[in-house]
N, C-alpha and C. Protein backbone atom coordinates (compact mmCIF):
# COMPACT_ATOMS: atom_id res chain seq x y z
N UNK A 1 93.92 65.77 -66.06
CA UNK A 1 92.75 65.08 -66.51
C UNK A 1 91.61 65.38 -65.54
N UNK A 2 90.49 65.86 -66.05
CA UNK A 2 89.35 66.21 -65.21
C UNK A 2 88.46 64.98 -65.02
N UNK A 3 87.96 64.82 -63.82
CA UNK A 3 87.09 63.70 -63.49
C UNK A 3 85.73 64.24 -63.09
N UNK A 4 84.68 63.53 -63.44
CA UNK A 4 83.34 63.96 -63.07
C UNK A 4 83.13 63.66 -61.59
N UNK A 5 82.75 64.71 -60.84
CA UNK A 5 82.53 64.57 -59.41
C UNK A 5 81.34 65.39 -58.98
N UNK A 6 80.81 65.03 -57.85
CA UNK A 6 79.81 65.84 -57.16
C UNK A 6 80.55 66.44 -55.97
N UNK A 7 80.69 67.77 -55.94
CA UNK A 7 81.51 68.44 -54.94
C UNK A 7 80.76 68.70 -53.64
N UNK A 8 81.55 68.89 -52.59
CA UNK A 8 81.06 69.29 -51.28
C UNK A 8 79.86 68.47 -50.81
N UNK A 9 80.06 67.17 -50.77
CA UNK A 9 79.03 66.23 -50.35
C UNK A 9 78.83 66.36 -48.84
N UNK A 10 77.59 66.41 -48.40
CA UNK A 10 77.30 66.59 -46.97
C UNK A 10 77.55 65.33 -46.15
N UNK A 11 77.08 64.18 -46.62
CA UNK A 11 77.24 62.93 -45.87
C UNK A 11 78.55 62.27 -46.22
N UNK A 12 79.23 61.78 -45.17
CA UNK A 12 80.51 61.13 -45.37
C UNK A 12 80.65 60.00 -44.39
N UNK A 13 81.14 58.86 -44.88
CA UNK A 13 81.47 57.76 -43.98
C UNK A 13 82.96 57.84 -43.68
N UNK A 14 83.43 57.05 -42.73
CA UNK A 14 84.85 57.07 -42.38
C UNK A 14 85.19 58.23 -41.46
N UNK A 15 86.40 58.75 -41.60
CA UNK A 15 86.86 59.85 -40.76
C UNK A 15 86.04 61.11 -41.04
N UNK A 16 85.85 61.91 -39.99
CA UNK A 16 85.13 63.17 -40.17
C UNK A 16 86.03 64.17 -40.87
N UNK A 17 85.42 65.23 -41.39
CA UNK A 17 86.22 66.26 -42.06
C UNK A 17 87.16 66.92 -41.05
N UNK A 18 86.73 67.07 -39.80
CA UNK A 18 87.58 67.64 -38.75
C UNK A 18 88.80 66.76 -38.53
N UNK A 19 88.60 65.44 -38.46
CA UNK A 19 89.73 64.52 -38.29
C UNK A 19 90.68 64.59 -39.49
N UNK A 20 90.11 64.70 -40.68
CA UNK A 20 90.94 64.81 -41.88
C UNK A 20 91.73 66.12 -41.89
N UNK A 21 91.12 67.20 -41.41
CA UNK A 21 91.81 68.50 -41.34
C UNK A 21 93.00 68.41 -40.39
N UNK A 22 92.83 67.70 -39.26
CA UNK A 22 93.92 67.51 -38.31
C UNK A 22 95.06 66.72 -38.95
N UNK A 23 94.71 65.66 -39.67
CA UNK A 23 95.73 64.88 -40.38
C UNK A 23 96.43 65.73 -41.43
N UNK A 24 95.68 66.54 -42.15
CA UNK A 24 96.26 67.42 -43.15
C UNK A 24 97.30 68.35 -42.51
N UNK A 25 96.95 68.97 -41.39
CA UNK A 25 97.87 69.87 -40.70
C UNK A 25 99.13 69.13 -40.24
N UNK A 26 98.95 67.95 -39.69
CA UNK A 26 100.09 67.14 -39.25
C UNK A 26 101.02 66.80 -40.41
N UNK A 27 100.43 66.34 -41.51
CA UNK A 27 101.24 65.92 -42.65
C UNK A 27 101.82 67.10 -43.42
N UNK A 28 101.18 68.26 -43.37
CA UNK A 28 101.79 69.43 -44.00
C UNK A 28 103.13 69.74 -43.33
N UNK A 29 103.18 69.61 -42.01
CA UNK A 29 104.44 69.83 -41.28
C UNK A 29 105.46 68.76 -41.64
N UNK A 30 105.04 67.50 -41.60
CA UNK A 30 105.96 66.40 -41.86
C UNK A 30 106.53 66.43 -43.28
N UNK A 31 105.73 66.87 -44.24
CA UNK A 31 106.15 66.88 -45.64
C UNK A 31 106.69 68.25 -46.08
N UNK A 32 106.88 69.14 -45.12
CA UNK A 32 107.42 70.48 -45.39
C UNK A 32 106.56 71.24 -46.40
N UNK A 33 105.25 71.17 -46.23
CA UNK A 33 104.31 71.87 -47.10
C UNK A 33 103.57 72.96 -46.35
N UNK A 34 104.16 73.48 -45.26
CA UNK A 34 103.46 74.48 -44.44
C UNK A 34 103.31 75.82 -45.17
N UNK A 35 104.08 76.03 -46.23
CA UNK A 35 103.93 77.27 -47.00
C UNK A 35 102.83 77.15 -48.06
N UNK A 36 102.17 76.02 -48.09
CA UNK A 36 101.07 75.80 -49.02
C UNK A 36 99.74 76.01 -48.30
N UNK A 37 98.75 76.54 -49.02
CA UNK A 37 97.39 76.65 -48.53
C UNK A 37 96.62 75.47 -49.14
N UNK A 38 96.52 74.38 -48.36
CA UNK A 38 95.84 73.17 -48.83
C UNK A 38 94.50 73.01 -48.14
N UNK A 39 93.50 72.66 -48.90
CA UNK A 39 92.15 72.45 -48.39
C UNK A 39 91.71 71.03 -48.71
N UNK A 40 90.79 70.53 -47.91
CA UNK A 40 90.18 69.22 -48.17
C UNK A 40 88.76 69.46 -48.66
N UNK A 41 88.40 68.72 -49.68
CA UNK A 41 87.04 68.77 -50.22
C UNK A 41 86.52 67.34 -50.28
N UNK A 42 85.36 67.12 -49.70
CA UNK A 42 84.73 65.80 -49.74
C UNK A 42 83.85 65.75 -50.99
N UNK A 43 84.08 64.73 -51.79
CA UNK A 43 83.38 64.63 -53.07
C UNK A 43 82.85 63.20 -53.29
N UNK A 44 81.98 63.09 -54.25
CA UNK A 44 81.51 61.79 -54.73
C UNK A 44 82.05 61.64 -56.14
N UNK A 45 83.04 60.76 -56.31
CA UNK A 45 83.59 60.52 -57.64
C UNK A 45 82.57 59.73 -58.44
N UNK A 46 82.19 60.24 -59.59
CA UNK A 46 81.12 59.64 -60.38
C UNK A 46 81.65 58.79 -61.53
N UNK A 47 82.89 58.39 -61.43
CA UNK A 47 83.49 57.58 -62.49
C UNK A 47 82.86 56.20 -62.56
N UNK A 48 82.71 55.72 -63.76
CA UNK A 48 82.15 54.38 -63.96
C UNK A 48 83.26 53.36 -64.25
N UNK A 49 84.46 53.85 -64.65
CA UNK A 49 85.53 52.93 -65.06
C UNK A 49 86.31 52.36 -63.88
N UNK A 50 86.35 53.03 -62.74
CA UNK A 50 86.96 52.46 -61.54
C UNK A 50 86.59 53.30 -60.32
N UNK A 51 86.74 52.70 -59.14
CA UNK A 51 86.47 53.43 -57.89
C UNK A 51 87.66 54.32 -57.59
N UNK A 52 87.38 55.57 -57.39
CA UNK A 52 88.43 56.54 -57.11
C UNK A 52 88.32 56.99 -55.66
N UNK A 53 89.46 57.10 -54.98
CA UNK A 53 89.43 57.47 -53.57
C UNK A 53 89.98 58.86 -53.31
N UNK A 54 90.75 59.42 -54.24
CA UNK A 54 91.30 60.75 -54.04
C UNK A 54 91.76 61.39 -55.32
N UNK A 55 91.95 62.69 -55.25
CA UNK A 55 92.43 63.48 -56.38
C UNK A 55 92.99 64.78 -55.82
N UNK A 56 93.72 65.51 -56.60
CA UNK A 56 94.24 66.80 -56.15
C UNK A 56 94.27 67.78 -57.30
N UNK A 57 94.21 69.05 -56.96
CA UNK A 57 94.29 70.13 -57.94
C UNK A 57 95.12 71.22 -57.29
N UNK A 58 96.21 71.64 -57.92
CA UNK A 58 97.09 72.63 -57.32
C UNK A 58 97.35 73.80 -58.26
N UNK A 59 97.71 74.91 -57.65
CA UNK A 59 98.20 76.07 -58.38
C UNK A 59 99.61 76.30 -57.84
N UNK A 60 100.59 75.90 -58.63
CA UNK A 60 101.98 75.93 -58.19
C UNK A 60 102.46 77.35 -57.88
N UNK A 61 102.08 78.31 -58.72
CA UNK A 61 102.52 79.69 -58.51
C UNK A 61 101.99 80.28 -57.20
N UNK A 62 100.73 79.99 -56.89
CA UNK A 62 100.11 80.53 -55.67
C UNK A 62 100.31 79.62 -54.46
N UNK A 63 100.83 78.42 -54.71
CA UNK A 63 101.01 77.41 -53.67
C UNK A 63 99.69 77.15 -52.92
N UNK A 64 98.65 76.90 -53.71
CA UNK A 64 97.35 76.54 -53.17
C UNK A 64 96.92 75.22 -53.78
N UNK A 65 96.08 74.50 -53.05
CA UNK A 65 95.61 73.24 -53.59
C UNK A 65 94.39 72.73 -52.88
N UNK A 66 93.66 71.89 -53.59
CA UNK A 66 92.49 71.22 -53.03
C UNK A 66 92.72 69.72 -53.16
N UNK A 67 92.61 69.04 -52.03
CA UNK A 67 92.71 67.58 -52.03
C UNK A 67 91.29 67.05 -51.90
N UNK A 68 90.87 66.33 -52.92
CA UNK A 68 89.53 65.78 -52.95
C UNK A 68 89.58 64.35 -52.45
N UNK A 69 88.71 64.06 -51.48
CA UNK A 69 88.63 62.72 -50.90
C UNK A 69 87.21 62.20 -51.03
N UNK A 70 87.08 60.91 -51.24
CA UNK A 70 85.78 60.28 -51.44
C UNK A 70 84.91 60.37 -50.19
N UNK A 71 83.62 60.64 -50.42
CA UNK A 71 82.66 60.65 -49.32
C UNK A 71 82.36 59.23 -48.83
N UNK A 72 82.73 58.26 -49.63
CA UNK A 72 82.50 56.86 -49.31
C UNK A 72 83.82 56.10 -49.40
N UNK A 73 84.72 56.34 -48.44
CA UNK A 73 86.06 55.75 -48.54
C UNK A 73 86.04 54.23 -48.47
N UNK A 74 86.90 53.64 -49.27
CA UNK A 74 87.01 52.18 -49.27
C UNK A 74 88.46 51.78 -49.04
N UNK A 75 89.29 52.77 -48.72
CA UNK A 75 90.71 52.55 -48.41
C UNK A 75 91.06 53.38 -47.18
N UNK A 76 92.24 53.15 -46.64
CA UNK A 76 92.77 53.89 -45.51
C UNK A 76 92.84 55.38 -45.87
N UNK A 77 92.05 56.20 -45.19
CA UNK A 77 91.96 57.62 -45.57
C UNK A 77 93.24 58.40 -45.30
N UNK A 78 93.97 58.05 -44.25
CA UNK A 78 95.24 58.74 -44.01
C UNK A 78 96.21 58.42 -45.15
N UNK A 79 96.23 57.18 -45.58
CA UNK A 79 97.09 56.79 -46.70
C UNK A 79 96.73 57.59 -47.95
N UNK A 80 95.44 57.69 -48.23
CA UNK A 80 94.99 58.42 -49.43
C UNK A 80 95.36 59.89 -49.31
N UNK A 81 95.14 60.49 -48.14
CA UNK A 81 95.48 61.90 -47.94
C UNK A 81 96.97 62.13 -48.18
N UNK A 82 97.81 61.31 -47.56
CA UNK A 82 99.26 61.46 -47.72
C UNK A 82 99.67 61.20 -49.17
N UNK A 83 99.04 60.22 -49.80
CA UNK A 83 99.31 59.93 -51.22
C UNK A 83 99.05 61.19 -52.06
N UNK A 84 97.91 61.81 -51.88
CA UNK A 84 97.59 63.01 -52.67
C UNK A 84 98.55 64.14 -52.34
N UNK A 85 98.98 64.24 -51.08
CA UNK A 85 99.95 65.26 -50.70
C UNK A 85 101.31 64.98 -51.33
N UNK A 86 101.67 63.71 -51.51
CA UNK A 86 102.92 63.37 -52.18
C UNK A 86 102.89 63.85 -53.63
N UNK A 87 101.72 63.83 -54.25
CA UNK A 87 101.61 64.38 -55.60
C UNK A 87 101.98 65.87 -55.58
N UNK A 88 101.59 66.57 -54.52
CA UNK A 88 101.95 67.99 -54.39
C UNK A 88 103.47 68.11 -54.23
N UNK A 89 104.08 67.24 -53.43
CA UNK A 89 105.53 67.27 -53.21
C UNK A 89 106.27 67.14 -54.54
N UNK A 90 105.81 66.26 -55.41
CA UNK A 90 106.52 66.01 -56.68
C UNK A 90 105.92 66.78 -57.86
N UNK A 91 104.95 67.64 -57.59
CA UNK A 91 104.19 68.31 -58.66
C UNK A 91 105.08 69.06 -59.65
N UNK A 92 106.05 69.81 -59.16
CA UNK A 92 106.90 70.61 -60.04
C UNK A 92 107.63 69.71 -61.04
N UNK A 93 108.25 68.66 -60.54
CA UNK A 93 108.96 67.71 -61.40
C UNK A 93 107.99 66.97 -62.33
N UNK A 94 106.87 66.54 -61.77
CA UNK A 94 105.85 65.81 -62.54
C UNK A 94 105.33 66.65 -63.70
N UNK A 95 104.95 67.88 -63.42
CA UNK A 95 104.36 68.71 -64.48
C UNK A 95 105.39 69.03 -65.56
N UNK A 96 106.65 69.22 -65.17
CA UNK A 96 107.71 69.47 -66.14
C UNK A 96 107.91 68.24 -67.05
N UNK A 97 108.01 67.07 -66.42
CA UNK A 97 108.23 65.84 -67.18
C UNK A 97 107.05 65.54 -68.11
N UNK A 98 105.84 65.71 -67.59
CA UNK A 98 104.67 65.41 -68.44
C UNK A 98 104.58 66.39 -69.60
N UNK A 99 104.89 67.65 -69.36
CA UNK A 99 104.87 68.64 -70.44
C UNK A 99 105.88 68.25 -71.53
N UNK A 100 107.07 67.80 -71.12
CA UNK A 100 108.09 67.37 -72.08
C UNK A 100 107.61 66.16 -72.88
N UNK A 101 106.97 65.23 -72.21
CA UNK A 101 106.44 64.03 -72.88
C UNK A 101 105.36 64.42 -73.88
N UNK A 102 104.50 65.35 -73.50
CA UNK A 102 103.37 65.73 -74.35
C UNK A 102 103.80 66.51 -75.59
N UNK A 103 105.04 66.97 -75.63
CA UNK A 103 105.53 67.65 -76.83
C UNK A 103 105.64 66.68 -78.01
N UNK A 104 105.84 65.38 -77.72
CA UNK A 104 106.02 64.39 -78.78
C UNK A 104 105.03 63.24 -78.72
N UNK A 105 104.12 63.27 -77.75
CA UNK A 105 103.19 62.16 -77.59
C UNK A 105 101.79 62.69 -77.27
N UNK A 106 100.81 61.82 -77.50
CA UNK A 106 99.42 62.18 -77.21
C UNK A 106 99.00 61.63 -75.85
N UNK A 107 98.05 62.31 -75.24
CA UNK A 107 97.52 61.84 -73.96
C UNK A 107 96.97 60.43 -74.13
N UNK A 108 97.42 59.53 -73.24
CA UNK A 108 96.93 58.16 -73.25
C UNK A 108 97.70 57.22 -74.16
N UNK A 109 98.67 57.74 -74.93
CA UNK A 109 99.44 56.81 -75.77
C UNK A 109 100.38 56.00 -74.88
N UNK A 110 101.12 55.08 -75.50
CA UNK A 110 101.95 54.14 -74.75
C UNK A 110 102.97 54.85 -73.84
N UNK A 111 103.64 55.85 -74.35
CA UNK A 111 104.67 56.55 -73.57
C UNK A 111 104.04 57.33 -72.43
N UNK A 112 102.97 58.05 -72.72
CA UNK A 112 102.28 58.83 -71.69
C UNK A 112 101.70 57.92 -70.61
N UNK A 113 101.10 56.82 -71.01
CA UNK A 113 100.55 55.86 -70.06
C UNK A 113 101.64 55.26 -69.18
N UNK A 114 102.79 54.93 -69.78
CA UNK A 114 103.93 54.40 -69.03
C UNK A 114 104.34 55.41 -67.96
N UNK A 115 104.45 56.67 -68.36
CA UNK A 115 104.85 57.72 -67.42
C UNK A 115 103.87 57.80 -66.25
N UNK A 116 102.58 57.87 -66.54
CA UNK A 116 101.57 57.99 -65.48
C UNK A 116 101.59 56.79 -64.54
N UNK A 117 101.76 55.59 -65.10
CA UNK A 117 101.83 54.38 -64.28
C UNK A 117 103.03 54.43 -63.34
N UNK A 118 104.18 54.84 -63.86
CA UNK A 118 105.39 54.89 -63.04
C UNK A 118 105.35 56.04 -62.04
N UNK A 119 104.71 57.13 -62.39
CA UNK A 119 104.51 58.23 -61.44
C UNK A 119 103.69 57.72 -60.25
N UNK A 120 102.60 57.02 -60.52
CA UNK A 120 101.76 56.49 -59.45
C UNK A 120 102.53 55.51 -58.58
N UNK A 121 103.32 54.65 -59.20
CA UNK A 121 104.14 53.71 -58.41
C UNK A 121 105.08 54.45 -57.47
N UNK A 122 105.73 55.50 -58.00
CA UNK A 122 106.67 56.28 -57.18
C UNK A 122 105.93 56.96 -56.03
N UNK A 123 104.77 57.54 -56.31
CA UNK A 123 104.00 58.22 -55.26
C UNK A 123 103.53 57.21 -54.22
N UNK A 124 103.10 56.03 -54.64
CA UNK A 124 102.72 54.98 -53.67
C UNK A 124 103.91 54.61 -52.78
N UNK A 125 105.06 54.44 -53.38
CA UNK A 125 106.25 54.06 -52.61
C UNK A 125 106.63 55.17 -51.62
N UNK A 126 106.62 56.42 -52.06
CA UNK A 126 106.92 57.55 -51.17
C UNK A 126 105.91 57.64 -50.03
N UNK A 127 104.66 57.37 -50.33
CA UNK A 127 103.62 57.39 -49.30
C UNK A 127 103.88 56.32 -48.26
N UNK A 128 104.19 55.12 -48.70
CA UNK A 128 104.48 54.02 -47.77
C UNK A 128 105.70 54.35 -46.91
N UNK A 129 106.72 54.93 -47.52
CA UNK A 129 107.92 55.31 -46.77
C UNK A 129 107.57 56.35 -45.71
N UNK A 130 106.83 57.38 -46.08
CA UNK A 130 106.47 58.45 -45.15
C UNK A 130 105.65 57.91 -43.98
N UNK A 131 104.73 57.00 -44.27
CA UNK A 131 103.87 56.44 -43.22
C UNK A 131 104.54 55.33 -42.44
N UNK A 132 105.68 54.84 -42.96
CA UNK A 132 106.35 53.71 -42.30
C UNK A 132 105.52 52.46 -42.37
N UNK A 133 104.82 52.29 -43.49
CA UNK A 133 103.93 51.15 -43.69
C UNK A 133 104.34 50.38 -44.93
N UNK A 134 103.80 49.19 -45.02
CA UNK A 134 103.99 48.40 -46.22
C UNK A 134 103.27 49.09 -47.37
N UNK A 135 103.88 49.05 -48.53
CA UNK A 135 103.32 49.70 -49.70
C UNK A 135 101.98 49.06 -50.09
N UNK A 136 100.99 49.92 -50.40
CA UNK A 136 99.68 49.45 -50.85
C UNK A 136 99.76 49.03 -52.30
N UNK A 137 99.07 47.98 -52.64
CA UNK A 137 99.05 47.51 -54.04
C UNK A 137 97.81 47.99 -54.72
């Protein structure tokens, strides 16, 4: 699902891009993603339906990805970064399962929505486990 964003925003509150790059390198090692070429992109999510703090876009075959983080963070940025990286960890399984679901269902229908909700719950739980923190609600 594509989201409307303003890419490569110059001004950013919270952690600097350098600090985020250091966290990315640390977590790539911890999550065994060192064979991936992951980049951070600071963006302004322009969604009106809810505040978004992160997103990711990957190319599984090339093992490349962009983790988009809000220029105006309102949540723990390390948590958001690791959360988006967890999506990369489960991407292969996620994309296979969603493709199977979409063979018999439409985007946004009850079954597809259930899947996306439970995927997010699993990624939140994995993120909390990795960080050794209480799960974010």
